[in-house]
N, C-alpha and C. Protein backbone atom coordinates (compact mmCIF):
# COMPACT_ATOMS: atom_id res chain seq x y z
N UNK A 1 -4.85 -12.96 -16.48
CA UNK A 1 -4.98 -13.37 -15.38
C UNK A 1 -5.93 -12.12 -14.39
N UNK A 2 -6.61 -12.74 -13.41
CA UNK A 2 -7.71 -12.14 -12.68
C UNK A 2 -7.17 -12.11 -11.49
N UNK A 3 -7.00 -11.04 -10.75
CA UNK A 3 -6.15 -10.65 -9.50
C UNK A 3 -7.02 -9.68 -8.71
N UNK A 4 -6.80 -9.98 -7.21
CA UNK A 4 -6.95 -8.94 -6.37
C UNK A 4 -5.61 -8.21 -6.16
N UNK A 5 -5.63 -7.05 -5.55
CA UNK A 5 -4.48 -6.32 -5.09
C UNK A 5 -4.74 -6.04 -3.61
N UNK A 6 -3.41 -6.27 -2.71
CA UNK A 6 -3.65 -6.42 -1.40
C UNK A 6 -3.17 -4.70 -1.09
N UNK A 7 -4.00 -4.21 -0.44
CA UNK A 7 -4.42 -2.66 -0.68
C UNK A 7 -3.83 -1.83 0.82
N UNK A 8 -2.97 -1.07 0.92
CA UNK A 8 -2.86 -0.25 2.08
C UNK A 8 -2.98 1.05 2.04
N UNK A 9 -3.26 1.76 0.63
CA UNK A 9 -3.24 2.98 -0.02
C UNK A 9 -1.96 3.45 -0.24
N UNK A 10 -1.00 2.89 -0.24
CA UNK A 10 0.39 3.85 -0.17
C UNK A 10 0.81 3.30 -1.70
N UNK A 11 2.12 3.76 -1.63
CA UNK A 11 3.06 3.97 -2.88
C UNK A 11 3.44 2.55 -3.52
N UNK A 12 3.76 1.56 -2.68
CA UNK A 12 3.87 0.39 -3.13
C UNK A 12 2.91 -0.47 -3.79
N UNK A 13 2.01 -0.66 -2.94
CA UNK A 13 0.72 -1.35 -3.51
C UNK A 13 0.16 -0.79 -5.05
N UNK A 14 0.51 0.81 -5.01
CA UNK A 14 -0.19 1.45 -6.04
C UNK A 14 0.86 1.13 -7.21
N UNK A 15 2.11 0.91 -6.90
CA UNK A 15 3.07 0.68 -8.07
C UNK A 15 3.27 -0.60 -8.52
N UNK A 16 2.87 -1.88 -7.49
CA UNK A 16 2.49 -3.14 -7.88
C UNK A 16 1.42 -3.09 -8.73
N UNK A 17 0.26 -2.57 -8.48
CA UNK A 17 -0.86 -2.73 -9.31
C UNK A 17 -0.43 -2.24 -10.93
N UNK A 18 0.36 -0.96 -11.04
CA UNK A 18 0.70 -0.04 -12.40
C UNK A 18 1.50 -1.25 -13.08
N UNK A 19 2.45 -1.85 -12.29
CA UNK A 19 3.16 -2.88 -12.98
C UNK A 19 2.51 -4.11 -13.62
N UNK A 20 1.63 -4.51 -12.77
CA UNK A 20 0.84 -5.69 -12.89
C UNK A 20 -0.17 -5.45 -14.30
N UNK A 21 -0.64 -4.42 -14.49
CA UNK A 21 -1.36 -3.92 -15.77
C UNK A 21 -0.84 -3.41 -16.84
N UNK A 22 0.46 -3.61 -16.83
CA UNK A 22 1.16 -3.04 -18.25
C UNK A 22 0.85 -4.56 -18.95
N UNK A 23 0.51 -5.77 -18.39
CA UNK A 23 0.21 -7.01 -19.17
C UNK A 23 -1.22 -6.51 -19.76
N UNK A 24 -1.43 -6.51 -20.71
CA UNK A 24 -3.09 -6.21 -21.07
C UNK A 24 -3.83 -7.45 -21.01
N UNK A 25 -3.33 -8.71 -20.72
CA UNK A 25 -4.08 -9.78 -20.19
C UNK A 25 -4.39 -9.92 -18.99
N UNK A 26 -3.84 -9.23 -18.02
CA UNK A 26 -3.78 -9.11 -16.64
C UNK A 26 -5.29 -8.28 -16.22
N UNK A 27 -6.02 -8.29 -15.18
CA UNK A 27 -6.83 -7.42 -14.92
C UNK A 27 -7.41 -7.54 -13.31
N UNK A 28 -7.14 -6.52 -12.94
CA UNK A 28 -7.14 -6.25 -11.45
C UNK A 28 -8.94 -6.09 -10.91
N UNK A 29 -9.34 -6.92 -10.43
CA UNK A 29 -10.94 -6.96 -10.56
C UNK A 29 -11.12 -6.65 -8.99
N UNK A 30 -10.36 -6.28 -8.05
CA UNK A 30 -10.78 -5.79 -6.70
C UNK A 30 -9.36 -5.27 -5.81
N UNK A 31 -9.71 -4.46 -5.06
CA UNK A 31 -8.51 -3.80 -4.25
C UNK A 31 -9.03 -4.42 -2.60
N UNK A 32 -8.03 -5.31 -1.99
CA UNK A 32 -8.29 -5.86 -0.47
C UNK A 32 -7.79 -5.29 0.19
N UNK A 33 -8.43 -4.43 1.16
CA UNK A 33 -8.15 -3.80 2.18
C UNK A 33 -8.31 -4.40 3.75
N UNK A 34 -7.25 -4.76 4.50
CA UNK A 34 -7.60 -5.19 5.89
C UNK A 34 -7.57 -4.29 6.81
N UNK A 35 -8.67 -3.90 7.40
CA UNK A 35 -8.64 -2.72 8.41
C UNK A 35 -8.84 -3.06 9.98
N UNK A 36 -8.45 -1.99 10.46
CA UNK A 36 -8.48 -2.61 11.87
C UNK A 36 -9.86 -2.59 12.37
N UNK A 37 -10.09 -3.49 13.43
CA UNK A 37 -11.43 -3.65 13.84
C UNK A 37 -11.78 -2.43 14.62
N UNK A 38 -13.13 -2.01 14.38
CA UNK A 38 -13.32 -0.85 15.27
C UNK A 38 -13.31 0.29 14.81
N UNK A 39 -12.27 0.71 14.27
CA UNK A 39 -11.65 2.10 14.09
C UNK A 39 -11.61 2.50 12.74
N UNK A 40 -11.68 1.37 11.77
CA UNK A 40 -11.85 1.58 10.40
C UNK A 40 -10.69 2.05 9.64
N UNK A 41 -9.55 1.79 10.39
CA UNK A 41 -8.14 2.20 9.98
C UNK A 41 -7.24 0.95 9.58
N UNK A 42 -6.70 1.03 8.37
CA UNK A 42 -5.38 -0.04 8.01
C UNK A 42 -4.45 0.08 9.42
N UNK A 43 -4.06 -1.34 9.35
CA UNK A 43 -2.91 -1.16 10.58
C UNK A 43 -1.79 -0.51 10.15
N UNK A 44 -1.28 0.33 10.99
CA UNK A 44 -0.13 0.97 11.02
C UNK A 44 -0.11 2.21 10.26
N UNK A 45 -0.90 2.50 9.64
CA UNK A 45 -0.69 3.52 8.27
C UNK A 45 -1.51 4.72 8.93
N UNK A 46 -2.77 4.61 9.20
CA UNK A 46 -3.57 5.55 10.01
C UNK A 46 -4.51 6.12 8.91
N UNK A 47 -4.51 5.78 7.88
CA UNK A 47 -5.87 6.19 6.61
C UNK A 47 -6.92 5.99 7.01
N UNK A 48 -7.91 6.39 7.09
CA UNK A 48 -9.47 6.12 7.34
C UNK A 48 -10.02 5.32 5.99
N UNK A 49 -11.14 4.48 6.57
CA UNK A 49 -11.56 3.83 5.51
C UNK A 49 -12.25 4.65 4.27
N UNK A 50 -12.64 5.76 4.79
CA UNK A 50 -13.47 6.58 3.81
C UNK A 50 -12.27 7.15 3.01
N UNK A 51 -10.94 7.55 3.14
CA UNK A 51 -9.96 7.94 2.04
C UNK A 51 -9.67 6.57 1.27
N UNK A 52 -9.80 5.22 1.56
CA UNK A 52 -9.37 4.54 1.04
C UNK A 52 -10.68 3.96 -0.19
N UNK A 53 -11.68 4.32 0.20
CA UNK A 53 -12.76 4.11 -0.73
C UNK A 53 -12.75 5.05 -1.68
N UNK A 54 -12.40 6.47 -1.51
CA UNK A 54 -12.11 7.42 -2.52
C UNK A 54 -11.24 7.05 -3.41
N UNK A 55 -9.76 6.38 -3.09
CA UNK A 55 -9.06 5.73 -3.89
C UNK A 55 -9.38 4.87 -4.84
N UNK A 56 -10.41 3.94 -4.22
CA UNK A 56 -10.79 3.05 -5.41
C UNK A 56 -12.00 3.36 -6.23
N UNK A 57 -12.56 4.58 -5.89
CA UNK A 57 -13.38 5.10 -6.77
C UNK A 57 -12.80 5.76 -7.81
N UNK A 58 -11.56 6.65 -7.49
CA UNK A 58 -10.86 7.12 -8.53
C UNK A 58 -10.14 6.30 -9.35
N UNK A 59 -9.98 5.04 -8.82
CA UNK A 59 -9.29 4.12 -9.85
C UNK A 59 -9.99 3.44 -10.51
N UNK A 60 -11.46 3.54 -10.43
CA UNK A 60 -12.53 2.72 -10.85
C UNK A 60 -12.25 1.11 -10.91
N UNK A 61 -11.77 0.50 -9.62
CA UNK A 61 -11.69 -0.67 -9.06
C UNK A 61 -12.63 -0.94 -7.95
N UNK A 62 -13.16 -2.12 -7.72
CA UNK A 62 -14.09 -2.57 -6.56
C UNK A 62 -13.27 -2.69 -5.17
N UNK A 63 -13.68 -2.14 -4.34
CA UNK A 63 -12.84 -2.47 -3.15
C UNK A 63 -13.64 -3.57 -2.21
N UNK A 64 -12.72 -4.33 -1.50
CA UNK A 64 -13.44 -5.02 -0.29
C UNK A 64 -12.27 -4.69 0.98
N UNK A 65 -13.08 -4.17 1.72
CA UNK A 65 -12.60 -3.82 3.09
C UNK A 65 -13.11 -4.84 4.11
N UNK A 66 -12.14 -5.55 4.56
CA UNK A 66 -12.18 -6.97 5.64
C UNK A 66 -11.78 -6.25 7.04
N UNK A 67 -12.61 -5.92 7.76
CA UNK A 67 -12.33 -5.81 9.43
C UNK A 67 -11.67 -6.90 10.24
N UNK A 68 -10.47 -6.50 10.91
CA UNK A 68 -9.63 -7.75 11.27
C UNK A 68 -9.09 -6.94 12.48
N UNK A 69 -8.56 -7.98 13.63
CA UNK A 69 -7.89 -7.75 14.75
C UNK A 69 -6.30 -8.43 14.08
N UNK A 70 -5.25 -8.06 14.77
CA UNK A 70 -3.88 -8.56 14.50
C UNK A 70 -3.94 -10.06 15.03
N UNK A 71 -4.86 -10.43 15.83
CA UNK A 71 -4.54 -11.49 15.95
C UNK A 71 -5.43 -12.82 15.02
N UNK A 72 -6.34 -12.34 14.60
CA UNK A 72 -7.11 -13.36 13.46
C UNK A 72 -6.90 -12.51 12.04
N UNK A 73 -5.71 -11.80 11.89
CA UNK A 73 -5.41 -11.33 10.49
C UNK A 73 -5.33 -12.46 9.53
N UNK A 74 -4.88 -13.68 9.69
CA UNK A 74 -4.44 -14.56 8.72
C UNK A 74 -5.85 -15.24 8.62
N UNK A 75 -6.50 -15.36 9.50
CA UNK A 75 -7.78 -16.25 9.41
C UNK A 75 -8.83 -15.40 8.39
N UNK A 76 -8.81 -14.16 8.79
CA UNK A 76 -9.87 -13.15 8.07
C UNK A 76 -9.34 -12.74 6.57
N UNK A 77 -8.05 -12.63 6.36
CA UNK A 77 -7.51 -12.72 5.45
C UNK A 77 -7.93 -13.91 4.21
N UNK A 78 -7.64 -15.29 4.74
CA UNK A 78 -8.10 -16.40 4.17
C UNK A 78 -9.36 -16.32 3.72
N UNK A 79 -10.33 -15.65 4.64
CA UNK A 79 -11.88 -15.85 4.26
C UNK A 79 -12.27 -14.74 3.20
N UNK A 80 -11.39 -13.59 3.05
CA UNK A 80 -11.53 -12.79 1.91
C UNK A 80 -11.12 -13.21 0.79
N UNK A 81 -9.85 -14.00 0.83
CA UNK A 81 -9.21 -14.47 -0.60
C UNK A 81 -10.20 -15.51 -0.95
N UNK A 82 -10.87 -16.54 0.00
CA UNK A 82 -11.80 -17.52 -0.48
C UNK A 82 -12.87 -16.76 -1.17
N UNK A 83 -13.62 -15.83 -0.66
CA UNK A 83 -14.60 -15.18 -1.46
C UNK A 83 -14.53 -14.70 -2.77
N UNK A 84 -13.08 -14.00 -2.78
CA UNK A 84 -12.76 -13.44 -4.02
C UNK A 84 -12.47 -14.62 -4.92
N UNK A 85 -11.80 -15.81 -4.87
CA UNK A 85 -11.57 -17.00 -5.33
C UNK A 85 -13.13 -17.60 -6.03
N UNK A 86 -14.02 -17.32 -5.22
CA UNK A 86 -15.15 -17.94 -5.60
C UNK A 86 -16.14 -17.17 -6.68
N UNK A 87 -15.26 -16.00 -6.97
CA UNK A 87 -16.10 -14.92 -7.71
C UNK A 87 -15.11 -14.87 -8.89
N UNK A 88 -14.05 -15.96 -9.11
CA UNK A 88 -13.28 -16.12 -10.39
C UNK A 88 -11.87 -15.33 -10.08
N UNK A 89 -11.35 -15.11 -9.06
CA UNK A 89 -10.04 -14.54 -8.83
C UNK A 89 -9.00 -15.58 -8.75
N UNK A 90 -8.16 -15.59 -9.35
CA UNK A 90 -6.63 -16.59 -9.41
C UNK A 90 -5.59 -16.39 -8.96
N UNK A 91 -5.51 -14.97 -8.38
CA UNK A 91 -4.15 -14.40 -8.07
C UNK A 91 -4.17 -13.12 -7.23
N UNK A 92 -3.32 -13.02 -6.43
CA UNK A 92 -3.32 -11.98 -5.52
C UNK A 92 -2.07 -11.05 -5.92
N UNK A 93 -2.09 -9.66 -5.88
CA UNK A 93 -0.75 -8.91 -6.21
C UNK A 93 -0.39 -8.18 -5.20
N UNK A 94 0.88 -8.10 -4.91
CA UNK A 94 1.39 -7.67 -3.36
C UNK A 94 2.82 -6.87 -3.89
N UNK A 95 2.74 -5.77 -2.79
CA UNK A 95 3.84 -4.61 -3.36
C UNK A 95 5.12 -5.04 -2.58
N UNK A 96 5.32 -6.24 -2.18
CA UNK A 96 6.62 -6.49 -1.37
C UNK A 96 8.02 -6.37 -2.39
N UNK A 97 8.60 -5.78 -1.78
CA UNK A 97 10.21 -5.93 -2.55
C UNK A 97 11.32 -6.87 -2.42
N UNK A 98 11.71 -6.89 -0.87
CA UNK A 98 12.64 -7.94 -0.63
C UNK A 98 12.58 -8.47 0.70
N UNK A 99 11.56 -8.06 1.55
CA UNK A 99 11.36 -9.07 2.96
C UNK A 99 11.15 -10.43 2.53
N UNK A 100 11.88 -11.35 2.58
CA UNK A 100 11.78 -12.88 2.02
C UNK A 100 10.62 -13.07 3.43
N UNK A 101 10.67 -13.16 4.52
CA UNK A 101 9.71 -13.63 5.61
C UNK A 101 8.42 -13.32 5.41
N UNK A 102 8.45 -12.13 4.72
CA UNK A 102 6.81 -11.85 4.63
C UNK A 102 6.36 -12.42 3.37
N UNK A 103 7.19 -12.31 2.02
CA UNK A 103 6.80 -12.75 1.10
C UNK A 103 6.52 -14.70 1.25
N UNK A 104 7.16 -15.37 2.19
CA UNK A 104 6.85 -16.74 2.21
C UNK A 104 5.62 -16.63 3.16
N UNK A 105 5.18 -16.05 4.01
CA UNK A 105 3.92 -15.74 4.47
C UNK A 105 2.72 -15.42 3.76
N UNK A 106 3.03 -14.67 2.56
CA UNK A 106 2.09 -14.22 1.71
C UNK A 106 1.78 -15.67 0.93
N UNK A 107 2.81 -16.32 0.49
CA UNK A 107 2.63 -17.38 -0.51
C UNK A 107 1.92 -18.39 0.15
N UNK A 108 2.29 -18.74 1.34
CA UNK A 108 1.46 -19.84 2.09
C UNK A 108 0.26 -19.44 2.30
N UNK A 109 -0.26 -18.20 2.82
CA UNK A 109 -1.64 -18.01 2.97
C UNK A 109 -2.36 -17.93 1.64
N UNK A 110 -1.55 -17.71 0.68
CA UNK A 110 -2.40 -17.57 -0.73
C UNK A 110 -2.36 -18.90 -1.28
N UNK A 111 -1.63 -19.70 -1.00
CA UNK A 111 -1.54 -21.19 -1.42
C UNK A 111 -2.65 -21.89 -0.88
N UNK A 112 -2.76 -21.72 0.32
CA UNK A 112 -3.72 -22.12 1.35
C UNK A 112 -5.25 -21.90 0.85
N UNK A 113 -5.24 -20.79 0.35
CA UNK A 113 -6.43 -20.18 0.11
C UNK A 113 -7.02 -20.34 -1.60
N UNK A 114 -6.07 -20.96 -2.27
CA UNK A 114 -6.11 -21.61 -3.62
C UNK A 114 -5.81 -20.48 -4.67
N UNK A 115 -5.17 -19.53 -4.31
CA UNK A 115 -4.67 -18.71 -5.51
C UNK A 115 -3.12 -18.32 -5.21
N UNK A 116 -2.63 -18.05 -6.54
CA UNK A 116 -1.19 -17.72 -6.36
C UNK A 116 -1.02 -16.13 -6.21
N UNK A 117 0.50 -16.03 -5.66
CA UNK A 117 0.70 -14.66 -5.56
C UNK A 117 1.78 -13.95 -6.32
N UNK A 118 1.63 -12.89 -6.76
CA UNK A 118 2.44 -12.18 -7.90
C UNK A 118 3.30 -11.05 -7.04
N UNK A 119 4.32 -10.96 -7.24
CA UNK A 119 4.87 -9.67 -6.71
C UNK A 119 5.73 -8.87 -7.79
N UNK A 120 5.13 -7.87 -8.22
CA UNK A 120 5.79 -7.32 -9.64
C UNK A 120 6.95 -6.53 -9.29
N UNK A 121 7.19 -6.13 -7.82
CA UNK A 121 8.26 -5.09 -7.80
C UNK A 121 9.45 -6.10 -7.03
N UNK A 122 9.21 -7.15 -6.89
CA UNK A 122 10.18 -8.15 -6.19
C UNK A 122 11.70 -8.04 -6.72
N UNK A 123 12.59 -7.83 -5.86
CA UNK A 123 14.05 -7.60 -5.89
C UNK A 123 14.66 -6.45 -6.78
N UNK A 124 13.37 -5.69 -7.00
CA UNK A 124 14.13 -4.40 -7.64
C UNK A 124 14.72 -3.44 -6.53
N UNK A 125 15.79 -2.74 -7.44
CA UNK A 125 16.41 -1.60 -6.45
C UNK A 125 15.32 -0.52 -5.91
N UNK A 126 15.35 -0.51 -4.52
CA UNK A 126 14.22 0.66 -3.96
C UNK A 126 14.59 1.91 -4.37
N UNK A 127 15.80 2.10 -4.63
CA UNK A 127 16.16 3.44 -5.10
C UNK A 127 15.66 3.90 -6.55
N UNK A 128 15.68 2.87 -7.24
CA UNK A 128 15.12 2.84 -8.74
C UNK A 128 13.79 2.63 -8.90
N UNK A 129 13.00 2.00 -7.86
CA UNK A 129 11.65 1.94 -7.79
C UNK A 129 11.31 3.62 -7.45
N UNK A 130 11.71 4.41 -6.52
CA UNK A 130 11.41 5.45 -5.90
C UNK A 130 11.56 6.35 -7.36
N UNK A 131 12.54 6.40 -8.11
CA UNK A 131 13.00 7.25 -9.18
C UNK A 131 12.00 7.24 -10.38
N UNK A 132 11.46 5.74 -10.39
CA UNK A 132 10.76 5.21 -11.52
C UNK A 132 9.04 5.98 -10.85
N UNK A 133 8.81 5.99 -9.76
CA UNK A 133 7.51 6.13 -9.28
C UNK A 133 7.19 7.82 -9.31
N UNK A 134 8.31 8.20 -9.40
CA UNK A 134 8.12 9.88 -9.52
C UNK A 134 8.11 10.28 -11.00
N UNK A 135 8.71 9.86 -11.76
CA UNK A 135 8.84 9.66 -13.20
C UNK A 135 7.58 9.67 -13.75
N UNK A 136 7.03 8.62 -13.16
CA UNK A 136 5.49 8.03 -13.89
C UNK A 136 4.37 9.00 -13.23
N UNK A 137 4.88 10.21 -12.36
CA UNK A 137 3.75 11.14 -12.08
C UNK A 137 2.81 10.66 -11.19
N UNK A 138 3.24 9.84 -10.55
CA UNK A 138 2.28 9.35 -9.33
C UNK A 138 2.46 10.69 -8.07
N UNK A 139 1.26 11.06 -7.53
CA UNK A 139 1.29 12.16 -6.54
C UNK A 139 1.11 11.48 -4.99
N UNK A 140 2.09 11.59 -4.19
CA UNK A 140 2.07 11.00 -2.78
C UNK A 140 2.53 11.55 -2.05
N UNK A 141 1.55 11.58 -0.65
CA UNK A 141 2.05 12.17 0.52
C UNK A 141 2.30 11.26 1.72
N UNK A 142 3.34 11.56 2.62
CA UNK A 142 3.75 10.82 3.50
C UNK A 142 2.73 10.91 4.78
N UNK A 143 2.00 10.00 5.18
CA UNK A 143 0.88 10.08 6.35
C UNK A 143 1.36 9.42 7.75
N UNK A 144 2.67 8.72 7.55
CA UNK A 144 2.96 8.31 9.02
C UNK A 144 4.63 7.93 8.65
N UNK A 145 5.28 8.28 10.20
CA UNK A 145 6.63 8.30 10.12
C UNK A 145 7.21 7.40 11.13
N UNK A 146 8.05 6.31 11.34
CA UNK A 146 8.52 5.87 12.39
C UNK A 146 9.70 6.67 13.30
N UNK A 147 9.30 6.87 14.38
CA UNK A 147 10.31 8.05 15.03
C UNK A 147 11.73 7.77 15.23
N UNK A 148 11.99 6.46 15.31
CA UNK A 148 13.45 6.24 15.55
C UNK A 148 14.01 6.19 14.09
N UNK A 149 13.30 6.26 13.06
CA UNK A 149 14.19 6.11 11.62
C UNK A 149 14.22 7.36 10.81
N UNK A 150 13.10 8.61 11.27
CA UNK A 150 12.96 9.36 10.28
C UNK A 150 12.47 10.78 11.04
N UNK A 151 12.87 12.03 10.94
CA UNK A 151 12.36 13.09 11.87
C UNK A 151 10.96 13.29 11.51
N UNK A 152 10.30 14.12 12.29
CA UNK A 152 8.88 14.50 12.11
C UNK A 152 8.52 15.41 10.96
N UNK A 153 9.60 16.02 10.63
CA UNK A 153 9.58 17.07 9.63
C UNK A 153 9.20 16.11 8.06
N UNK A 154 9.35 14.94 8.00
CA UNK A 154 9.23 14.11 6.91
C UNK A 154 7.77 13.86 6.94
N UNK A 155 6.81 13.93 7.96
CA UNK A 155 5.44 13.84 7.90
C UNK A 155 4.80 14.93 7.05
N UNK A 156 3.72 14.77 6.13
CA UNK A 156 3.14 15.59 5.23
C UNK A 156 3.85 15.85 3.86
N UNK A 157 5.00 15.42 3.98
CA UNK A 157 5.92 15.64 2.60
C UNK A 157 5.37 15.11 1.10
N UNK A 158 5.38 15.57 0.45
CA UNK A 158 5.25 14.96 -1.00
C UNK A 158 6.35 14.18 -1.37
N UNK A 159 5.96 12.93 -2.06
CA UNK A 159 7.27 12.20 -2.67
C UNK A 159 7.78 12.68 -4.11
N UNK A 160 8.58 13.43 -4.03
CA UNK A 160 9.29 14.00 -5.31
C UNK A 160 11.19 13.76 -5.05
N UNK A 161 11.94 14.52 -6.21
CA UNK A 161 12.94 14.36 -6.11
C UNK A 161 13.68 14.53 -5.15
N UNK A 162 13.15 16.15 -4.32
CA UNK A 162 13.64 16.57 -3.33
C UNK A 162 13.81 15.64 -2.09
N UNK A 163 12.43 14.99 -1.92
CA UNK A 163 12.31 13.83 -0.80
C UNK A 163 13.23 12.77 -1.01
N UNK A 164 13.66 12.40 -2.24
CA UNK A 164 14.49 11.00 -2.31
C UNK A 164 15.78 11.74 -2.19
N UNK A 165 16.24 12.80 -2.48
CA UNK A 165 17.51 13.47 -1.88
C UNK A 165 17.91 13.48 -0.55
N UNK A 166 16.63 13.92 0.11
CA UNK A 166 16.84 14.02 1.57
C UNK A 166 16.96 12.58 2.44
N UNK A 167 15.89 11.61 2.08
CA UNK A 167 15.95 10.50 2.62
C UNK A 167 17.23 9.53 2.44
N UNK A 168 18.10 9.91 1.51
CA UNK A 168 19.29 9.36 1.32
C UNK A 168 20.31 9.69 2.13
N UNK A 169 19.95 10.81 3.12
CA UNK A 169 20.93 11.52 4.11
C UNK A 169 20.49 10.32 5.35
N UNK A 170 19.88 9.49 5.28
CA UNK A 170 19.25 8.43 6.53
C UNK A 170 19.85 7.05 5.85
N UNK A 171 21.08 6.87 6.05
CA UNK A 171 21.58 5.75 5.26
C UNK A 171 20.81 4.22 6.09
N UNK A 172 20.19 4.46 7.39
CA UNK A 172 19.55 3.18 7.80
C UNK A 172 18.36 3.19 7.57
N UNK A 173 17.49 3.93 6.86
CA UNK A 173 16.41 4.08 6.13
C UNK A 173 16.23 3.65 4.64
N UNK A 174 15.49 2.62 4.50
CA UNK A 174 15.49 2.27 3.17
C UNK A 174 14.52 3.42 2.46
N UNK A 175 14.99 3.66 1.26
CA UNK A 175 14.03 4.69 0.54
C UNK A 175 12.76 4.58 0.37
N UNK A 176 12.24 3.26 0.09
CA UNK A 176 10.93 2.68 -0.15
C UNK A 176 10.21 2.69 1.26
N UNK A 177 11.06 2.78 2.30
CA UNK A 177 10.26 2.73 3.48
C UNK A 177 9.77 1.20 3.61
N UNK A 178 10.66 0.22 3.20
CA UNK A 178 10.29 -1.22 3.12
C UNK A 178 10.26 -1.91 4.39
N UNK A 179 10.85 -1.40 5.43
CA UNK A 179 10.89 -1.78 6.72
C UNK A 179 9.97 -1.02 7.62
N UNK A 180 8.94 -0.58 6.91
CA UNK A 180 7.94 0.54 8.06
C UNK A 180 8.70 1.76 8.40
N UNK A 181 9.54 2.54 7.67
CA UNK A 181 10.00 3.45 8.12
C UNK A 181 9.06 4.68 8.08
N UNK A 182 8.22 4.72 6.93
CA UNK A 182 7.09 5.61 6.41
C UNK A 182 6.03 4.99 5.72
N UNK A 183 5.06 5.66 5.85
CA UNK A 183 4.05 5.23 4.78
C UNK A 183 3.25 6.06 4.21
N UNK A 184 2.62 6.03 3.11
CA UNK A 184 2.20 7.13 2.14
C UNK A 184 0.77 6.76 1.84
N UNK A 185 0.13 8.14 1.14
CA UNK A 185 -1.03 7.93 0.84
C UNK A 185 -1.00 8.51 -0.73
N UNK A 186 -1.54 7.67 -1.90
CA UNK A 186 -1.10 8.17 -3.32
C UNK A 186 -2.77 8.80 -3.63
N UNK A 187 -2.68 9.99 -4.06
CA UNK A 187 -3.91 10.78 -4.39
C UNK A 187 -3.94 11.16 -5.76
N UNK A 188 -3.17 10.74 -6.93
CA UNK A 188 -2.95 11.06 -8.27
C UNK A 188 -2.32 10.21 -8.92
N UNK A 189 -2.38 10.02 -10.42
CA UNK A 189 -1.40 9.00 -10.97
C UNK A 189 -2.20 9.01 -12.23
N UNK A 190 -1.15 8.05 -13.14
CA UNK A 190 -1.46 7.58 -14.22
C UNK A 190 -2.84 6.89 -14.33
N UNK A 191 -3.19 6.21 -13.32
CA UNK A 191 -4.25 5.31 -13.36
C UNK A 191 -5.45 5.74 -12.57
N UNK A 192 -5.43 7.12 -12.25
CA UNK A 192 -6.63 7.78 -11.73
C UNK A 192 -7.43 8.43 -12.66
N UNK A 193 -8.87 8.49 -12.39
CA UNK A 193 -9.53 9.14 -13.26
C UNK A 193 -9.74 10.58 -12.88
N UNK A 194 -9.56 10.88 -11.78
CA UNK A 194 -9.37 12.16 -11.25
C UNK A 194 -8.63 12.12 -9.91
N UNK A 195 -7.89 13.32 -9.67
CA UNK A 195 -7.06 13.46 -8.38
C UNK A 195 -8.02 13.34 -7.28
N UNK A 196 -7.41 13.00 -6.11
CA UNK A 196 -8.15 13.21 -4.93
C UNK A 196 -7.99 14.39 -4.06
N UNK A 197 -8.85 15.28 -3.54
CA UNK A 197 -9.09 16.47 -3.04
C UNK A 197 -8.93 15.95 -1.27
N UNK A 198 -7.93 16.66 -0.71
CA UNK A 198 -8.00 16.31 0.65
C UNK A 198 -7.40 17.52 1.48
N UNK A 199 -7.63 17.57 2.54
CA UNK A 199 -7.06 18.46 3.55
C UNK A 199 -6.22 18.02 4.81
N UNK A 200 -4.87 18.53 4.97
CA UNK A 200 -4.40 17.88 6.27
C UNK A 200 -4.98 18.31 7.46
N UNK A 201 -5.10 17.31 8.57
CA UNK A 201 -5.77 17.44 9.62
C UNK A 201 -4.87 17.39 10.63
N UNK A 202 -4.93 16.88 11.77
CA UNK A 202 -4.14 17.09 13.00
C UNK A 202 -3.17 15.94 12.93
N UNK A 203 -1.79 16.18 13.77
CA UNK A 203 -0.97 15.37 13.79
C UNK A 203 -1.03 14.54 15.19
N UNK A 204 -1.19 13.31 15.26
CA UNK A 204 -0.86 12.23 16.32
C UNK A 204 0.02 11.30 16.60
N UNK A 205 0.36 10.90 17.73
CA UNK A 205 1.30 9.83 17.73
C UNK A 205 1.08 8.93 18.78
N UNK A 206 1.93 7.76 18.36
CA UNK A 206 2.13 6.52 19.74
C UNK A 206 3.36 6.51 19.96
N UNK A 207 3.83 5.55 20.60
CA UNK A 207 5.02 5.17 21.00
C UNK A 207 6.15 5.21 19.89
N UNK A 208 5.90 4.92 18.76
CA UNK A 208 6.91 4.53 17.72
C UNK A 208 6.51 5.43 16.55
N UNK A 209 5.27 5.85 16.48
CA UNK A 209 5.00 6.68 15.04
C UNK A 209 4.24 8.13 15.22
N UNK A 210 4.74 8.95 14.21
CA UNK A 210 3.56 10.07 14.04
C UNK A 210 2.96 9.59 13.09
N UNK A 211 1.59 10.44 13.16
CA UNK A 211 0.47 10.18 11.81
C UNK A 211 0.07 11.41 11.69
N UNK A 212 -0.29 11.68 10.26
CA UNK A 212 -0.92 12.78 9.60
C UNK A 212 -2.30 12.27 9.13
N UNK A 213 -3.15 12.89 9.70
CA UNK A 213 -4.62 12.75 9.42
C UNK A 213 -4.76 13.39 8.19
N UNK A 214 -5.42 12.89 7.05
CA UNK A 214 -5.93 13.56 5.77
C UNK A 214 -7.44 13.24 5.79
N UNK A 215 -8.25 13.97 5.24
CA UNK A 215 -9.42 14.00 5.26
C UNK A 215 -10.14 14.92 4.11
């Protein structure tokens, strides 16, 4: 199977890629990143396009970044998928775990664009996925936190066993952040040819989130 991977820079898309590639017949031919128009930032995560390009280079996988506004997201995503389909891609890989409404939307968009949708993490235990991700030695930093779900102190933390212990003290928060409680940036792991070096920058905020700039 030749697939693109829907890419946000975080642990779930990375983990989906990792599981997908366990089948030697599968090939990830592209990372597809839908970025915000005008600011070069993926929606709601706050990671710069430059950092995502570094990820793609360290993973040795081509990157397609498609600028979009929220209002045109579906249209622009279909255009990107159609381009990839014309280049031989027959599937898209997604890191969704249990949000059925979002999965249904993805399946419809992919179906209308002529490719299948693959969900390697679907219906797995989110705590189990976190434990597995840590055991597999991926290195990940928290880059945004939803204010109503987690304290600001979680910003900039590494995903490790201490993180997993602490997040379980917030029972309304999914351990994987599947409901947008937090977002991450993966900077090293078994798929990387070399780690990404970065510096922590400023902390900013909007009405609902804190963001950590990394560069």
